[in-house]
Amino acid sequence: MKLLKSFEDFIFEAASWLIFYPLTLGRIMLKPLRTMEYSDREQNDDNEHRYDDALSPPLLLMITILLSNLISAAAHIPPPDATSSMLKTITATQQNLTLFRTLLFSLIPLIAASSLVRRQGKKLSRQTLRAPFYAQCYLAAFCAAFVAAGDVFLRRPELNNAIGAAIICGGVAWFLVVQTAWFSGKLNIGRPQAALLAAWATFRAIVYMLAVAVPVALV
Protein backbone atom coordinates (compact mmCIF):
# COMPACT_ATOMS: atom_id res chain seq x y z
CA MET A 1 0.00 0.00 0.00
CA LYS A 2 2.86 2.38 0.76
CA LEU A 3 4.34 1.60 -2.65
CA LEU A 4 1.00 2.28 -4.36
CA LYS A 5 0.62 5.52 -2.42
CA SER A 6 4.08 6.63 -3.47
CA PHE A 7 3.25 5.78 -7.07
CA GLU A 8 0.01 7.78 -6.86
CA ASP A 9 1.89 10.78 -5.51
CA PHE A 10 4.46 10.50 -8.28
CA ILE A 11 1.78 10.33 -11.00
CA PHE A 12 0.04 13.40 -9.61
CA GLU A 13 3.30 15.31 -9.25
CA ALA A 14 4.49 14.43 -12.76
CA ALA A 15 1.11 15.32 -14.28
CA SER A 16 1.07 18.67 -12.47
CA TRP A 17 4.33 19.56 -14.22
CA LEU A 18 2.32 19.91 -17.45
CA ILE A 19 0.61 22.92 -15.87
CA PHE A 20 3.27 24.40 -13.64
CA TYR A 21 6.23 24.09 -16.03
CA PRO A 22 4.93 26.52 -18.67
CA LEU A 23 3.31 28.64 -15.94
CA THR A 24 6.63 29.03 -14.12
CA LEU A 25 8.51 29.78 -17.34
CA GLY A 26 5.93 32.43 -18.19
CA ARG A 27 6.38 34.08 -14.80
CA ILE A 28 10.15 34.14 -15.27
CA MET A 29 9.82 35.66 -18.73
CA LEU A 30 7.32 38.37 -17.76
CA LYS A 31 8.36 39.14 -14.18
CA PRO A 32 11.80 37.63 -13.51
CA LEU A 33 12.67 39.66 -10.42
CA ARG A 34 9.29 39.05 -8.80
CA THR A 35 9.66 35.35 -9.51
CA MET A 36 13.06 35.37 -7.82
CA GLU A 37 11.55 37.18 -4.83
CA TYR A 38 8.84 34.53 -4.76
CA SER A 39 11.56 31.87 -4.56
CA ASP A 40 13.15 33.69 -1.63
CA ARG A 41 9.83 33.77 0.25
CA GLU A 42 9.19 30.09 -0.41
CA GLN A 43 12.36 29.17 1.47
CA ASN A 44 10.55 30.09 4.68
CA ASP A 45 7.64 27.70 4.04
CA ASP A 46 7.54 24.13 5.28
CA ASN A 47 8.61 21.42 2.87
CA GLU A 48 5.05 20.29 2.14
CA HIS A 49 3.86 23.71 0.92
CA ARG A 50 7.10 25.01 -0.57
CA TYR A 51 6.68 26.01 -4.25
CA ASP A 52 3.08 24.82 -4.10
CA ASP A 53 1.99 26.94 -7.09
CA ALA A 54 5.15 26.62 -9.20
CA LEU A 55 8.01 24.26 -9.96
CA SER A 56 10.99 24.44 -7.66
CA PRO A 57 13.96 26.14 -9.37
CA PRO A 58 16.37 23.15 -9.49
CA LEU A 59 13.58 20.92 -10.81
CA LEU A 60 12.69 23.52 -13.45
CA LEU A 61 16.33 23.62 -14.54
CA MET A 62 16.55 19.84 -14.78
CA ILE A 63 13.30 19.51 -16.76
CA THR A 64 14.45 22.26 -19.13
CA ILE A 65 17.73 20.44 -19.78
CA LEU A 66 15.84 17.16 -20.27
CA LEU A 67 13.43 18.74 -22.76
CA SER A 68 16.31 20.34 -24.64
CA ASN A 69 18.00 16.93 -24.92
CA LEU A 70 14.78 15.35 -26.19
CA ILE A 71 14.27 18.14 -28.72
CA SER A 72 17.85 17.72 -29.94
CA ALA A 73 17.28 13.98 -30.32
CA ALA A 74 14.01 14.58 -32.21
CA ALA A 75 15.84 17.03 -34.50
CA HIS A 76 18.44 14.29 -35.16
CA ILE A 77 21.25 16.32 -33.65
CA PRO A 78 24.00 13.88 -32.67
CA PRO A 79 25.38 13.94 -29.12
CA PRO A 80 28.98 15.05 -28.57
CA ASP A 81 31.56 12.66 -30.00
CA ALA A 82 32.55 10.22 -27.28
CA THR A 83 36.31 10.67 -27.34
CA SER A 84 36.87 9.30 -23.84
CA SER A 85 35.52 6.50 -21.66
CA MET A 86 33.93 8.96 -19.24
CA LEU A 87 32.20 10.85 -22.03
CA LYS A 88 30.91 7.57 -23.46
CA THR A 89 29.35 6.80 -20.07
CA ILE A 90 27.74 10.25 -19.87
CA THR A 91 26.29 10.16 -23.39
CA ALA A 92 25.20 6.53 -23.15
CA THR A 93 21.77 7.41 -21.73
CA GLN A 94 19.53 10.47 -21.62
CA GLN A 95 19.51 10.24 -17.82
CA ASN A 96 23.30 10.53 -17.57
CA LEU A 97 23.46 13.31 -20.15
CA THR A 98 20.65 15.27 -18.48
CA LEU A 99 22.24 14.99 -15.04
CA PHE A 100 25.67 16.03 -16.31
CA ARG A 101 24.37 19.03 -18.22
CA THR A 102 22.20 20.07 -15.28
CA LEU A 103 25.23 19.98 -13.00
CA LEU A 104 27.17 22.09 -15.50
CA PHE A 105 24.42 24.71 -15.81
CA SER A 106 23.97 24.76 -12.02
CA LEU A 107 27.44 26.29 -11.77
CA ILE A 108 25.98 29.55 -13.11
CA PRO A 109 23.52 30.06 -10.21
CA LEU A 110 26.08 28.69 -7.75
CA ILE A 111 28.75 31.25 -8.66
CA ALA A 112 26.22 34.10 -8.73
CA ALA A 113 24.84 33.08 -5.32
CA SER A 114 28.30 32.81 -3.78
CA SER A 115 29.23 36.21 -5.21
CA LEU A 116 26.16 37.75 -3.59
CA VAL A 117 26.80 36.11 -0.21
CA ARG A 118 30.40 37.29 -0.12
CA ARG A 119 29.46 40.83 -1.17
CA GLN A 120 26.89 40.90 1.62
CA GLY A 121 29.59 40.01 4.13
CA LYS A 122 27.88 36.79 5.19
CA LYS A 123 29.56 33.53 6.02
CA LEU A 124 29.58 31.19 3.04
CA SER A 125 27.48 28.17 4.01
CA ARG A 126 24.72 25.96 2.66
CA GLN A 127 22.19 27.99 4.62
CA THR A 128 23.24 31.34 3.17
CA LEU A 129 23.68 29.94 -0.35
CA ARG A 130 20.35 28.15 -0.63
CA ALA A 131 17.98 31.09 -1.19
CA PRO A 132 20.06 32.95 -3.82
CA PHE A 133 21.00 29.68 -5.52
CA TYR A 134 17.35 28.67 -5.88
CA ALA A 135 16.42 32.11 -7.19
CA GLN A 136 19.27 32.02 -9.70
CA CYS A 137 18.19 28.58 -10.93
CA TYR A 138 15.06 30.24 -12.33
CA LEU A 139 17.23 32.52 -14.47
CA ALA A 140 19.56 29.69 -15.49
CA ALA A 141 16.61 27.53 -16.59
CA PHE A 142 15.18 30.25 -18.83
CA CYS A 143 18.61 31.03 -20.28
CA ALA A 144 19.20 27.30 -20.91
CA ALA A 145 15.95 27.18 -22.90
CA PHE A 146 17.24 29.98 -25.16
CA VAL A 147 20.61 28.30 -25.60
CA ALA A 148 19.00 24.95 -26.43
CA ALA A 149 16.66 26.51 -29.00
CA GLY A 150 19.49 28.41 -30.64
CA ASP A 151 21.71 25.33 -30.67
CA VAL A 152 19.15 23.47 -32.80
CA PHE A 153 19.40 26.18 -35.47
CA LEU A 154 23.18 26.22 -35.31
CA ARG A 155 23.62 22.47 -35.64
CA ARG A 156 21.11 21.85 -38.42
CA PRO A 157 22.67 22.87 -41.76
CA GLU A 158 19.30 23.49 -43.44
CA LEU A 159 18.30 26.02 -40.77
CA ASN A 160 19.39 29.65 -40.57
CA ASN A 161 22.45 29.82 -38.34
CA ALA A 162 21.99 33.56 -37.89
CA ILE A 163 18.63 32.94 -36.23
CA GLY A 164 20.24 30.45 -33.86
CA ALA A 165 22.99 32.88 -32.94
CA ALA A 166 20.42 35.64 -32.40
CA ILE A 167 18.37 33.41 -30.10
CA ILE A 168 21.40 32.51 -27.99
CA CYS A 169 22.66 36.11 -27.83
CA GLY A 170 19.17 37.30 -26.93
CA GLY A 171 18.91 34.76 -24.12
CA VAL A 172 22.33 35.64 -22.74
CA ALA A 173 21.58 39.38 -22.97
CA TRP A 174 18.26 38.89 -21.15
CA PHE A 175 20.05 36.87 -18.47
CA LEU A 176 22.72 39.53 -17.90
CA VAL A 177 20.17 42.36 -17.77
CA VAL A 178 18.09 40.57 -15.13
CA GLN A 179 21.21 39.47 -13.30
CA THR A 180 22.36 43.10 -13.18
CA ALA A 181 19.04 44.27 -11.76
CA TRP A 182 19.15 41.45 -9.18
CA PHE A 183 22.64 42.32 -7.96
CA SER A 184 21.76 46.02 -7.93
CA GLY A 185 18.69 45.46 -5.78
CA LYS A 186 20.24 42.93 -3.41
CA LEU A 187 23.45 44.88 -2.80
CA ASN A 188 22.02 48.39 -3.19
CA ILE A 189 24.64 49.35 -5.76
CA GLY A 190 24.49 51.18 -9.08
CA ARG A 191 23.65 49.43 -12.32
CA PRO A 192 27.15 49.85 -13.86
CA GLN A 193 28.80 48.18 -10.87
CA ALA A 194 26.09 45.50 -10.80
CA ALA A 195 26.58 44.87 -14.53
CA LEU A 196 30.31 44.31 -14.01
CA LEU A 197 29.57 41.96 -11.13
CA ALA A 198 27.04 40.01 -13.20
CA ALA A 199 29.42 39.71 -16.15
CA TRP A 200 32.31 38.65 -13.90
CA ALA A 201 30.21 36.01 -12.12
CA THR A 202 28.98 34.62 -15.45
CA PHE A 203 32.51 34.56 -16.88
CA ARG A 204 33.79 32.68 -13.83
CA ALA A 205 30.95 30.19 -14.12
CA ILE A 206 31.80 29.53 -17.78
CA VAL A 207 35.46 28.99 -16.85
CA TYR A 208 34.44 26.49 -14.17
CA MET A 209 32.12 24.75 -16.65
CA LEU A 210 35.01 24.35 -19.07
CA ALA A 211 37.25 23.18 -16.23
CA VAL A 212 34.78 20.34 -15.65
CA ALA A 213 33.85 19.58 -19.27
CA VAL A 214 37.34 19.52 -20.77
CA PRO A 215 38.78 16.81 -18.48
CA VAL A 216 35.62 14.74 -18.98
CA ALA A 217 36.18 14.89 -22.74
CA LEU A 218 39.78 13.77 -22.35
CA VAL A 219 39.74 11.16 -19.57
C-alpha atoms as a PDB file:
ATOM      1  CA  MET A   1       0.000   0.000   0.000  1.00  0.00           C
ATOM      2  CA  LYS A   2       2.861   2.379   0.762  1.00  0.00           C
ATOM      3  CA  LEU A   3       4.345   1.596  -2.651  1.00  0.00           C
ATOM      4  CA  LEU A   4       1.003   2.284  -4.356  1.00  0.00           C
ATOM      5  CA  LYS A   5       0.616   5.515  -2.423  1.00  0.00           C
ATOM      6  CA  SER A   6       4.079   6.629  -3.472  1.00  0.00           C
ATOM      7  CA  PHE A   7       3.246   5.783  -7.073  1.00  0.00           C
ATOM      8  CA  GLU A   8       0.011   7.784  -6.862  1.00  0.00           C
ATOM      9  CA  ASP A   9       1.891  10.782  -5.511  1.00  0.00           C
ATOM     10  CA  PHE A  10       4.461  10.499  -8.284  1.00  0.00           C
ATOM     11  CA  ILE A  11       1.783  10.329 -11.003  1.00  0.00           C
ATOM     12  CA  PHE A  12       0.039  13.401  -9.611  1.00  0.00           C
ATOM     13  CA  GLU A  13       3.298  15.312  -9.245  1.00  0.00           C
ATOM     14  CA  ALA A  14       4.492  14.431 -12.758  1.00  0.00           C
ATOM     15  CA  ALA A  15       1.115  15.318 -14.278  1.00  0.00           C
ATOM     16  CA  SER A  16       1.067  18.670 -12.469  1.00  0.00           C
ATOM     17  CA  TRP A  17       4.326  19.559 -14.220  1.00  0.00           C
ATOM     18  CA  LEU A  18       2.323  19.913 -17.454  1.00  0.00           C
ATOM     19  CA  ILE A  19       0.611  22.917 -15.867  1.00  0.00           C
ATOM     20  CA  PHE A  20       3.274  24.396 -13.644  1.00  0.00           C
ATOM     21  CA  TYR A  21       6.227  24.091 -16.030  1.00  0.00           C
ATOM     22  CA  PRO A  22       4.926  26.523 -18.669  1.00  0.00           C
ATOM     23  CA  LEU A  23       3.312  28.640 -15.940  1.00  0.00           C
ATOM     24  CA  THR A  24       6.627  29.032 -14.117  1.00  0.00           C
ATOM     25  CA  LEU A  25       8.510  29.781 -17.342  1.00  0.00           C
ATOM     26  CA  GLY A  26       5.929  32.427 -18.189  1.00  0.00           C
ATOM     27  CA  ARG A  27       6.379  34.075 -14.801  1.00  0.00           C
ATOM     28  CA  ILE A  28      10.149  34.141 -15.266  1.00  0.00           C
ATOM     29  CA  MET A  29       9.822  35.661 -18.729  1.00  0.00           C
ATOM     30  CA  LEU A  30       7.319  38.374 -17.760  1.00  0.00           C
ATOM     31  CA  LYS A  31       8.357  39.142 -14.178  1.00  0.00           C
ATOM     32  CA  PRO A  32      11.802  37.626 -13.506  1.00  0.00           C
ATOM     33  CA  LEU A  33      12.673  39.665 -10.416  1.00  0.00           C
ATOM     34  CA  ARG A  34       9.286  39.052  -8.802  1.00  0.00           C
ATOM     35  CA  THR A  35       9.661  35.345  -9.508  1.00  0.00           C
ATOM     36  CA  MET A  36      13.059  35.374  -7.820  1.00  0.00           C
ATOM     37  CA  GLU A  37      11.550  37.184  -4.834  1.00  0.00           C
ATOM     38  CA  TYR A  38       8.844  34.528  -4.761  1.00  0.00           C
ATOM     39  CA  SER A  39      11.557  31.875  -4.559  1.00  0.00           C
ATOM     40  CA  ASP A  40      13.153  33.690  -1.629  1.00  0.00           C
ATOM     41  CA  ARG A  41       9.835  33.768   0.251  1.00  0.00           C
ATOM     42  CA  GLU A  42       9.187  30.094  -0.406  1.00  0.00           C
ATOM     43  CA  GLN A  43      12.358  29.171   1.467  1.00  0.00           C
ATOM     44  CA  ASN A  44      10.549  30.092   4.684  1.00  0.00           C
ATOM     45  CA  ASP A  45       7.640  27.698   4.035  1.00  0.00           C
ATOM     46  CA  ASP A  46       7.544  24.133   5.284  1.00  0.00           C
ATOM     47  CA  ASN A  47       8.608  21.419   2.872  1.00  0.00           C
ATOM     48  CA  GLU A  48       5.051  20.292   2.145  1.00  0.00           C
ATOM     49  CA  HIS A  49       3.860  23.711   0.922  1.00  0.00           C
ATOM     50  CA  ARG A  50       7.103  25.014  -0.574  1.00  0.00           C
ATOM     51  CA  TYR A  51       6.679  26.011  -4.254  1.00  0.00           C
ATOM     52  CA  ASP A  52       3.082  24.816  -4.104  1.00  0.00           C
ATOM     53  CA  ASP A  53       1.986  26.937  -7.086  1.00  0.00           C
ATOM     54  CA  ALA A  54       5.150  26.616  -9.201  1.00  0.00           C
ATOM     55  CA  LEU A  55       8.008  24.264  -9.959  1.00  0.00           C
ATOM     56  CA  SER A  56      10.991  24.436  -7.657  1.00  0.00           C
ATOM     57  CA  PRO A  57      13.961  26.136  -9.371  1.00  0.00           C
ATOM     58  CA  PRO A  58      16.368  23.149  -9.495  1.00  0.00           C
ATOM     59  CA  LEU A  59      13.575  20.922 -10.810  1.00  0.00           C
ATOM     60  CA  LEU A  60      12.692  23.516 -13.449  1.00  0.00           C
ATOM     61  CA  LEU A  61      16.325  23.622 -14.544  1.00  0.00           C
ATOM     62  CA  MET A  62      16.554  19.838 -14.776  1.00  0.00           C
ATOM     63  CA  ILE A  63      13.304  19.514 -16.756  1.00  0.00           C
ATOM     64  CA  THR A  64      14.452  22.257 -19.132  1.00  0.00           C
ATOM     65  CA  ILE A  65      17.726  20.435 -19.777  1.00  0.00           C
ATOM     66  CA  LEU A  66      15.839  17.160 -20.271  1.00  0.00           C
ATOM     67  CA  LEU A  67      13.432  18.737 -22.760  1.00  0.00           C
ATOM     68  CA  SER A  68      16.314  20.338 -24.642  1.00  0.00           C
ATOM     69  CA  ASN A  69      18.004  16.930 -24.916  1.00  0.00           C
ATOM     70  CA  LEU A  70      14.783  15.352 -26.193  1.00  0.00           C
ATOM     71  CA  ILE A  71      14.266  18.142 -28.721  1.00  0.00           C
ATOM     72  CA  SER A  72      17.846  17.723 -29.938  1.00  0.00           C
ATOM     73  CA  ALA A  73      17.277  13.984 -30.319  1.00  0.00           C
ATOM     74  CA  ALA A  74      14.014  14.584 -32.209  1.00  0.00           C
ATOM     75  CA  ALA A  75      15.839  17.025 -34.504  1.00  0.00           C
ATOM     76  CA  HIS A  76      18.440  14.289 -35.161  1.00  0.00           C
ATOM     77  CA  ILE A  77      21.254  16.322 -33.653  1.00  0.00           C
ATOM     78  CA  PRO A  78      23.997  13.876 -32.667  1.00  0.00           C
ATOM     79  CA  PRO A  79      25.379  13.943 -29.125  1.00  0.00           C
ATOM     80  CA  PRO A  80      28.982  15.054 -28.570  1.00  0.00           C
ATOM     81  CA  ASP A  81      31.564  12.665 -29.997  1.00  0.00           C
ATOM     82  CA  ALA A  82      32.549  10.221 -27.277  1.00  0.00           C
ATOM     83  CA  THR A  83      36.314  10.667 -27.341  1.00  0.00           C
ATOM     84  CA  SER A  84      36.866   9.299 -23.835  1.00  0.00           C
ATOM     85  CA  SER A  85      35.521   6.498 -21.664  1.00  0.00           C
ATOM     86  CA  MET A  86      33.933   8.956 -19.236  1.00  0.00           C
ATOM     87  CA  LEU A  87      32.204  10.852 -22.034  1.00  0.00           C
ATOM     88  CA  LYS A  88      30.914   7.566 -23.456  1.00  0.00           C
ATOM     89  CA  THR A  89      29.345   6.800 -20.072  1.00  0.00           C
ATOM     90  CA  ILE A  90      27.738  10.250 -19.872  1.00  0.00           C
ATOM     91  CA  THR A  91      26.288  10.158 -23.386  1.00  0.00           C
ATOM     92  CA  ALA A  92      25.196   6.528 -23.148  1.00  0.00           C
ATOM     93  CA  THR A  93      21.765   7.407 -21.731  1.00  0.00           C
ATOM     94  CA  GLN A  94      19.532  10.471 -21.615  1.00  0.00           C
ATOM     95  CA  GLN A  95      19.508  10.237 -17.816  1.00  0.00           C
ATOM     96  CA  ASN A  96      23.297  10.533 -17.573  1.00  0.00           C
ATOM     97  CA  LEU A  97      23.456  13.310 -20.154  1.00  0.00           C
ATOM     98  CA  THR A  98      20.654  15.274 -18.479  1.00  0.00           C
ATOM     99  CA  LEU A  99      22.236  14.987 -15.037  1.00  0.00           C
ATOM    100  CA  PHE A 100      25.673  16.026 -16.311  1.00  0.00           C
ATOM    101  CA  ARG A 101      24.370  19.030 -18.225  1.00  0.00           C
ATOM    102  CA  THR A 102      22.201  20.070 -15.276  1.00  0.00           C
ATOM    103  CA  LEU A 103      25.229  19.977 -13.001  1.00  0.00           C
ATOM    104  CA  LEU A 104      27.165  22.091 -15.502  1.00  0.00           C
ATOM    105  CA  PHE A 105      24.420  24.705 -15.808  1.00  0.00           C
ATOM    106  CA  SER A 106      23.973  24.760 -12.024  1.00  0.00           C
ATOM    107  CA  LEU A 107      27.443  26.293 -11.775  1.00  0.00           C
ATOM    108  CA  ILE A 108      25.978  29.552 -13.106  1.00  0.00           C
ATOM    109  CA  PRO A 109      23.523  30.056 -10.214  1.00  0.00           C
ATOM    110  CA  LEU A 110      26.080  28.685  -7.747  1.00  0.00           C
ATOM    111  CA  ILE A 111      28.747  31.254  -8.660  1.00  0.00           C
ATOM    112  CA  ALA A 112      26.216  34.100  -8.727  1.00  0.00           C
ATOM    113  CA  ALA A 113      24.842  33.076  -5.321  1.00  0.00           C
ATOM    114  CA  SER A 114      28.301  32.810  -3.785  1.00  0.00           C
ATOM    115  CA  SER A 115      29.233  36.211  -5.215  1.00  0.00           C
ATOM    116  CA  LEU A 116      26.161  37.747  -3.593  1.00  0.00           C
ATOM    117  CA  VAL A 117      26.796  36.110  -0.212  1.00  0.00           C
ATOM    118  CA  ARG A 118      30.400  37.294  -0.117  1.00  0.00           C
ATOM    119  CA  ARG A 119      29.461  40.828  -1.170  1.00  0.00           C
ATOM    120  CA  GLN A 120      26.885  40.897   1.619  1.00  0.00           C
ATOM    121  CA  GLY A 121      29.591  40.007   4.133  1.00  0.00           C
ATOM    122  CA  LYS A 122      27.877  36.793   5.190  1.00  0.00           C
ATOM    123  CA  LYS A 123      29.557  33.531   6.019  1.00  0.00           C
ATOM    124  CA  LEU A 124      29.576  31.189   3.037  1.00  0.00           C
ATOM    125  CA  SER A 125      27.482  28.166   4.014  1.00  0.00           C
ATOM    126  CA  ARG A 126      24.720  25.959   2.665  1.00  0.00           C
ATOM    127  CA  GLN A 127      22.194  27.989   4.622  1.00  0.00           C
ATOM    128  CA  THR A 128      23.235  31.344   3.175  1.00  0.00           C
ATOM    129  CA  LEU A 129      23.682  29.937  -0.347  1.00  0.00           C
ATOM    130  CA  ARG A 130      20.351  28.154  -0.633  1.00  0.00           C
ATOM    131  CA  ALA A 131      17.982  31.088  -1.194  1.00  0.00           C
ATOM    132  CA  PRO A 132      20.062  32.954  -3.820  1.00  0.00           C
ATOM    133  CA  PHE A 133      20.999  29.675  -5.523  1.00  0.00           C
ATOM    134  CA  TYR A 134      17.350  28.666  -5.884  1.00  0.00           C
ATOM    135  CA  ALA A 135      16.416  32.115  -7.194  1.00  0.00           C
ATOM    136  CA  GLN A 136      19.269  32.018  -9.697  1.00  0.00           C
ATOM    137  CA  CYS A 137      18.185  28.576 -10.928  1.00  0.00           C
ATOM    138  CA  TYR A 138      15.056  30.241 -12.327  1.00  0.00           C
ATOM    139  CA  LEU A 139      17.228  32.521 -14.472  1.00  0.00           C
ATOM    140  CA  ALA A 140      19.558  29.688 -15.486  1.00  0.00           C
ATOM    141  CA  ALA A 141      16.612  27.528 -16.595  1.00  0.00           C
ATOM    142  CA  PHE A 142      15.182  30.246 -18.831  1.00  0.00           C
ATOM    143  CA  CYS A 143      18.615  31.025 -20.276  1.00  0.00           C
ATOM    144  CA  ALA A 144      19.196  27.302 -20.905  1.00  0.00           C
ATOM    145  CA  ALA A 145      15.954  27.181 -22.896  1.00  0.00           C
ATOM    146  CA  PHE A 146      17.242  29.977 -25.159  1.00  0.00           C
ATOM    147  CA  VAL A 147      20.614  28.296 -25.596  1.00  0.00           C
ATOM    148  CA  ALA A 148      19.000  24.949 -26.426  1.00  0.00           C
ATOM    149  CA  ALA A 149      16.660  26.507 -29.002  1.00  0.00           C
ATOM    150  CA  GLY A 150      19.486  28.409 -30.639  1.00  0.00           C
ATOM    151  CA  ASP A 151      21.708  25.330 -30.669  1.00  0.00           C
ATOM    152  CA  VAL A 152      19.150  23.474 -32.799  1.00  0.00           C
ATOM    153  CA  PHE A 153      19.396  26.182 -35.469  1.00  0.00           C
ATOM    154  CA  LEU A 154      23.183  26.216 -35.308  1.00  0.00           C
ATOM    155  CA  ARG A 155      23.622  22.469 -35.642  1.00  0.00           C
ATOM    156  CA  ARG A 156      21.108  21.851 -38.420  1.00  0.00           C
ATOM    157  CA  PRO A 157      22.672  22.867 -41.762  1.00  0.00           C
ATOM    158  CA  GLU A 158      19.303  23.492 -43.444  1.00  0.00           C
ATOM    159  CA  LEU A 159      18.295  26.020 -40.772  1.00  0.00           C
ATOM    160  CA  ASN A 160      19.394  29.646 -40.566  1.00  0.00           C
ATOM    161  CA  ASN A 161      22.448  29.821 -38.339  1.00  0.00           C
ATOM    162  CA  ALA A 162      21.993  33.559 -37.887  1.00  0.00           C
ATOM    163  CA  ILE A 163      18.635  32.938 -36.227  1.00  0.00           C
ATOM    164  CA  GLY A 164      20.241  30.446 -33.859  1.00  0.00           C
ATOM    165  CA  ALA A 165      22.993  32.884 -32.941  1.00  0.00           C
ATOM    166  CA  ALA A 166      20.421  35.643 -32.401  1.00  0.00           C
ATOM    167  CA  ILE A 167      18.367  33.414 -30.100  1.00  0.00           C
ATOM    168  CA  ILE A 168      21.399  32.512 -27.991  1.00  0.00           C
ATOM    169  CA  CYS A 169      22.656  36.110 -27.826  1.00  0.00           C
ATOM    170  CA  GLY A 170      19.167  37.301 -26.928  1.00  0.00           C
ATOM    171  CA  GLY A 171      18.910  34.758 -24.122  1.00  0.00           C
ATOM    172  CA  VAL A 172      22.334  35.640 -22.736  1.00  0.00           C
ATOM    173  CA  ALA A 173      21.582  39.380 -22.968  1.00  0.00           C
ATOM    174  CA  TRP A 174      18.258  38.885 -21.147  1.00  0.00           C
ATOM    175  CA  PHE A 175      20.049  36.875 -18.475  1.00  0.00           C
ATOM    176  CA  LEU A 176      22.717  39.532 -17.902  1.00  0.00           C
ATOM    177  CA  VAL A 177      20.168  42.357 -17.767  1.00  0.00           C
ATOM    178  CA  VAL A 178      18.088  40.572 -15.132  1.00  0.00           C
ATOM    179  CA  GLN A 179      21.210  39.470 -13.298  1.00  0.00           C
ATOM    180  CA  THR A 180      22.363  43.096 -13.182  1.00  0.00           C
ATOM    181  CA  ALA A 181      19.037  44.267 -11.758  1.00  0.00           C
ATOM    182  CA  TRP A 182      19.151  41.448  -9.180  1.00  0.00           C
ATOM    183  CA  PHE A 183      22.639  42.318  -7.960  1.00  0.00           C
ATOM    184  CA  SER A 184      21.764  46.015  -7.931  1.00  0.00           C
ATOM    185  CA  GLY A 185      18.686  45.461  -5.779  1.00  0.00           C
ATOM    186  CA  LYS A 186      20.236  42.927  -3.414  1.00  0.00           C
ATOM    187  CA  LEU A 187      23.446  44.883  -2.801  1.00  0.00           C
ATOM    188  CA  ASN A 188      22.018  48.394  -3.185  1.00  0.00           C
ATOM    189  CA  ILE A 189      24.638  49.352  -5.757  1.00  0.00           C
ATOM    190  CA  GLY A 190      24.488  51.181  -9.077  1.00  0.00           C
ATOM    191  CA  ARG A 191      23.646  49.433 -12.322  1.00  0.00           C
ATOM    192  CA  PRO A 192      27.147  49.852 -13.860  1.00  0.00           C
ATOM    193  CA  GLN A 193      28.804  48.177 -10.872  1.00  0.00           C
ATOM    194  CA  ALA A 194      26.094  45.503 -10.802  1.00  0.00           C
ATOM    195  CA  ALA A 195      26.584  44.867 -14.534  1.00  0.00           C
ATOM    196  CA  LEU A 196      30.308  44.305 -14.010  1.00  0.00           C
ATOM    197  CA  LEU A 197      29.572  41.962 -11.126  1.00  0.00           C
ATOM    198  CA  ALA A 198      27.035  40.012 -13.202  1.00  0.00           C
ATOM    199  CA  ALA A 199      29.423  39.714 -16.152  1.00  0.00           C
ATOM    200  CA  TRP A 200      32.315  38.648 -13.896  1.00  0.00           C
ATOM    201  CA  ALA A 201      30.214  36.009 -12.117  1.00  0.00           C
ATOM    202  CA  THR A 202      28.979  34.623 -15.449  1.00  0.00           C
ATOM    203  CA  PHE A 203      32.507  34.560 -16.876  1.00  0.00           C
ATOM    204  CA  ARG A 204      33.794  32.678 -13.833  1.00  0.00           C
ATOM    205  CA  ALA A 205      30.946  30.189 -14.123  1.00  0.00           C
ATOM    206  CA  ILE A 206      31.799  29.534 -17.781  1.00  0.00           C
ATOM    207  CA  VAL A 207      35.459  28.995 -16.853  1.00  0.00           C
ATOM    208  CA  TYR A 208      34.439  26.486 -14.173  1.00  0.00           C
ATOM    209  CA  MET A 209      32.118  24.747 -16.646  1.00  0.00           C
ATOM    210  CA  LEU A 210      35.012  24.353 -19.070  1.00  0.00           C
ATOM    211  CA  ALA A 211      37.245  23.175 -16.227  1.00  0.00           C
ATOM    212  CA  VAL A 212      34.779  20.343 -15.649  1.00  0.00           C
ATOM    213  CA  ALA A 213      33.855  19.577 -19.268  1.00  0.00           C
ATOM    214  CA  VAL A 214      37.335  19.520 -20.774  1.00  0.00           C
ATOM    215  CA  PRO A 215      38.783  16.811 -18.484  1.00  0.00           C
ATOM    216  CA  VAL A 216      35.616  14.744 -18.976  1.00  0.00           C
ATOM    217  CA  ALA A 217      36.181  14.886 -22.744  1.00  0.00           C
ATOM    218  CA  LEU A 218      39.779  13.770 -22.347  1.00  0.00           C
ATOM    219  CA  VAL A 219      39.742  11.161 -19.566  1.00  0.00           C
END
